[in-house]
Amino acid sequence: MEAVIRIPRDVANLFNDPETVKVLVTLNQQNVPHCVPISSLSIPSPDIIAFAVIMADETHRNLLNNPDKVVTATAVKGFQSYQIKAKPQEYVTEGVAFDAFRQRFGSIIMGSGLEIKGVWILKPLEIYDQSIGSNAGKRIV
């Protein structure tokens, strides 16, 4: 059984900041990367990463079809940046996580014709400091 990775508070704060640019990279079955910005990518608790599936059809398909492939989530704001390598854990279309994302992002997409289809829960495996400075590229967890 793999150890549970606890995401440090400063990493969570950066991912949870609405002004932070967040991207997620997944792989298709031929290992071709797919990189997209996902504003809802966040850390709702210290041991998971999650995001709402709103327009991320290819990302969703990659996670469904490749549950054992590692994905990369990166958050950048100014000179601060962290990268989390993770694996898909669960896709939910109801329950606490789904309701929390619908409450947080529902008003933002209201009137756009878009909807939250579900929420992906990702299990963190490794965390790297990608900020400018002497720690750039160093694994922190």
Protein backbone atom coordinates (compact mmCIF):
# COMPACT_ATOMS: atom_id res chain seq x y z
CA MET A 1 0.00 0.00 0.00
CA GLU A 2 1.34 3.44 -0.98
CA ALA A 3 1.96 6.04 1.69
CA VAL A 4 -0.48 8.92 1.89
CA ILE A 5 1.11 12.14 0.67
CA ARG A 6 0.18 15.24 2.66
CA ILE A 7 0.17 18.40 0.56
CA PRO A 8 1.98 21.26 2.37
CA ARG A 9 -0.12 24.31 3.24
CA ASP A 10 1.83 26.71 0.96
CA VAL A 11 1.26 24.36 -2.00
CA ALA A 12 -2.46 24.08 -1.18
CA ASN A 13 -2.76 27.86 -0.79
CA LEU A 14 -1.27 28.42 -4.26
CA PHE A 15 -3.56 25.84 -5.91
CA ASN A 16 -6.61 27.22 -4.07
CA ASP A 17 -5.92 30.86 -5.00
CA PRO A 18 -8.42 31.86 -7.74
CA GLU A 19 -5.79 34.12 -9.36
CA THR A 20 -3.30 31.27 -9.81
CA VAL A 21 -2.91 29.75 -13.29
CA LYS A 22 -3.37 25.98 -13.04
CA VAL A 23 -2.77 23.39 -15.75
CA LEU A 24 -3.23 19.63 -15.88
CA VAL A 25 -1.33 17.30 -18.19
CA THR A 26 -2.81 13.87 -18.95
CA LEU A 27 -1.74 11.16 -21.38
CA ASN A 28 -3.83 9.35 -23.96
CA GLN A 29 -3.42 5.64 -24.70
CA GLN A 30 -0.54 6.38 -27.10
CA ASN A 31 1.21 8.43 -24.36
CA VAL A 32 0.60 11.70 -26.19
CA PRO A 33 0.33 14.52 -23.61
CA HIS A 34 -2.75 16.72 -23.39
CA CYS A 35 -2.26 19.97 -21.43
CA VAL A 36 -5.16 22.25 -20.45
CA PRO A 37 -5.75 25.13 -18.05
CA ILE A 38 -8.30 24.14 -15.40
CA SER A 39 -9.42 26.96 -13.10
CA SER A 40 -11.21 24.59 -10.72
CA LEU A 41 -8.06 22.52 -10.06
CA SER A 42 -7.72 22.76 -6.29
CA ILE A 43 -6.79 21.03 -3.07
CA PRO A 44 -9.93 20.58 -0.95
CA SER A 45 -8.06 18.55 1.69
CA PRO A 46 -4.36 17.89 2.38
CA ASP A 47 -4.36 14.47 0.72
CA ILE A 48 -6.27 15.03 -2.54
CA ILE A 49 -6.35 17.18 -5.65
CA ALA A 50 -9.68 17.69 -7.41
CA PHE A 51 -11.23 19.51 -10.33
CA ALA A 52 -14.64 19.93 -11.91
CA VAL A 53 -15.25 18.48 -15.35
CA ILE A 54 -16.91 21.33 -17.23
CA MET A 55 -15.34 21.42 -20.69
CA ALA A 56 -12.47 18.97 -20.16
CA ASP A 57 -13.76 16.18 -22.40
CA GLU A 58 -10.36 14.95 -23.64
CA THR A 59 -8.87 15.21 -20.15
CA HIS A 60 -11.82 13.25 -18.74
CA ARG A 61 -11.49 10.59 -21.44
CA ASN A 62 -7.73 10.26 -20.80
CA LEU A 63 -8.30 9.76 -17.06
CA LEU A 64 -11.06 7.20 -17.63
CA ASN A 65 -9.08 5.23 -20.21
CA ASN A 66 -5.70 5.41 -18.46
CA PRO A 67 -6.26 5.12 -14.70
CA ASP A 68 -2.70 3.91 -14.05
CA LYS A 69 -0.93 6.75 -15.86
CA VAL A 70 0.54 9.58 -13.83
CA VAL A 71 -0.81 13.07 -14.47
CA THR A 72 0.90 16.37 -13.69
CA ALA A 73 -0.81 19.36 -12.08
CA THR A 74 1.07 22.66 -12.04
CA ALA A 75 0.14 25.95 -10.36
CA VAL A 76 1.90 29.25 -11.17
CA LYS A 77 1.45 32.74 -9.74
CA GLY A 78 4.21 35.27 -10.21
CA PHE A 79 7.51 33.63 -9.32
CA GLN A 80 5.87 30.92 -7.19
CA SER A 81 5.12 27.53 -8.74
CA TYR A 82 4.53 23.95 -7.62
CA GLN A 83 4.04 20.73 -9.54
CA ILE A 84 2.16 17.69 -8.26
CA LYS A 85 2.39 14.28 -9.88
CA ALA A 86 -0.77 12.30 -9.18
CA LYS A 87 -2.94 9.37 -10.25
CA PRO A 88 -6.68 9.31 -10.89
CA GLN A 89 -8.47 8.02 -7.81
CA GLU A 90 -12.19 8.52 -8.39
CA TYR A 91 -14.72 10.27 -10.61
CA VAL A 92 -17.90 11.40 -8.83
CA THR A 93 -21.16 12.81 -10.14
CA GLU A 94 -22.86 13.25 -6.76
CA GLY A 95 -21.98 13.55 -3.11
CA VAL A 96 -19.99 15.94 -0.95
CA ALA A 97 -17.16 16.70 -3.41
CA PHE A 98 -19.55 17.21 -6.34
CA ASP A 99 -21.84 19.47 -4.28
CA ALA A 100 -18.87 21.54 -3.05
CA PHE A 101 -17.64 22.17 -6.60
CA ARG A 102 -21.14 22.93 -7.84
CA GLN A 103 -21.58 25.47 -5.02
CA ARG A 104 -18.16 27.06 -5.64
CA PHE A 105 -18.24 27.21 -9.46
CA GLY A 106 -21.94 26.96 -10.36
CA SER A 107 -22.56 30.70 -10.21
CA ILE A 108 -19.47 31.37 -12.36
CA ILE A 109 -20.72 29.22 -15.24
CA MET A 110 -24.41 30.01 -14.78
CA GLY A 111 -25.94 31.34 -18.00
CA SER A 112 -23.07 30.03 -20.13
CA GLY A 113 -24.85 26.86 -21.17
CA LEU A 114 -22.14 24.87 -19.40
CA GLU A 115 -22.56 22.56 -16.43
CA ILE A 116 -20.42 20.64 -14.00
CA LYS A 117 -20.59 17.06 -15.26
CA GLY A 118 -18.57 15.55 -12.43
CA VAL A 119 -15.49 15.90 -10.26
CA TRP A 120 -12.19 14.05 -10.56
CA ILE A 121 -10.35 13.19 -7.36
CA LEU A 122 -6.60 12.70 -7.84
CA LYS A 123 -4.16 11.06 -5.41
CA PRO A 124 -0.87 12.99 -5.05
CA LEU A 125 2.31 10.95 -5.45
CA GLU A 126 5.12 13.53 -5.54
CA ILE A 127 5.37 17.31 -5.14
CA TYR A 128 8.07 19.55 -6.64
CA ASP A 129 8.98 23.18 -6.05
CA GLN A 130 9.07 24.86 -9.48
CA SER A 131 9.46 28.41 -8.15
CA ILE A 132 12.27 30.60 -9.38
CA GLY A 133 15.21 30.18 -7.02
CA SER A 134 17.63 27.65 -5.60
CA ASN A 135 14.89 25.07 -4.90
CA ALA A 136 13.59 24.97 -8.48
CA GLY A 137 13.02 21.38 -9.53
CA LYS A 138 13.53 19.92 -6.06
CA ARG A 139 11.13 17.32 -4.74
CA ILE A 140 9.58 18.57 -1.50
CA VAL A 141 7.27 15.62 -0.76
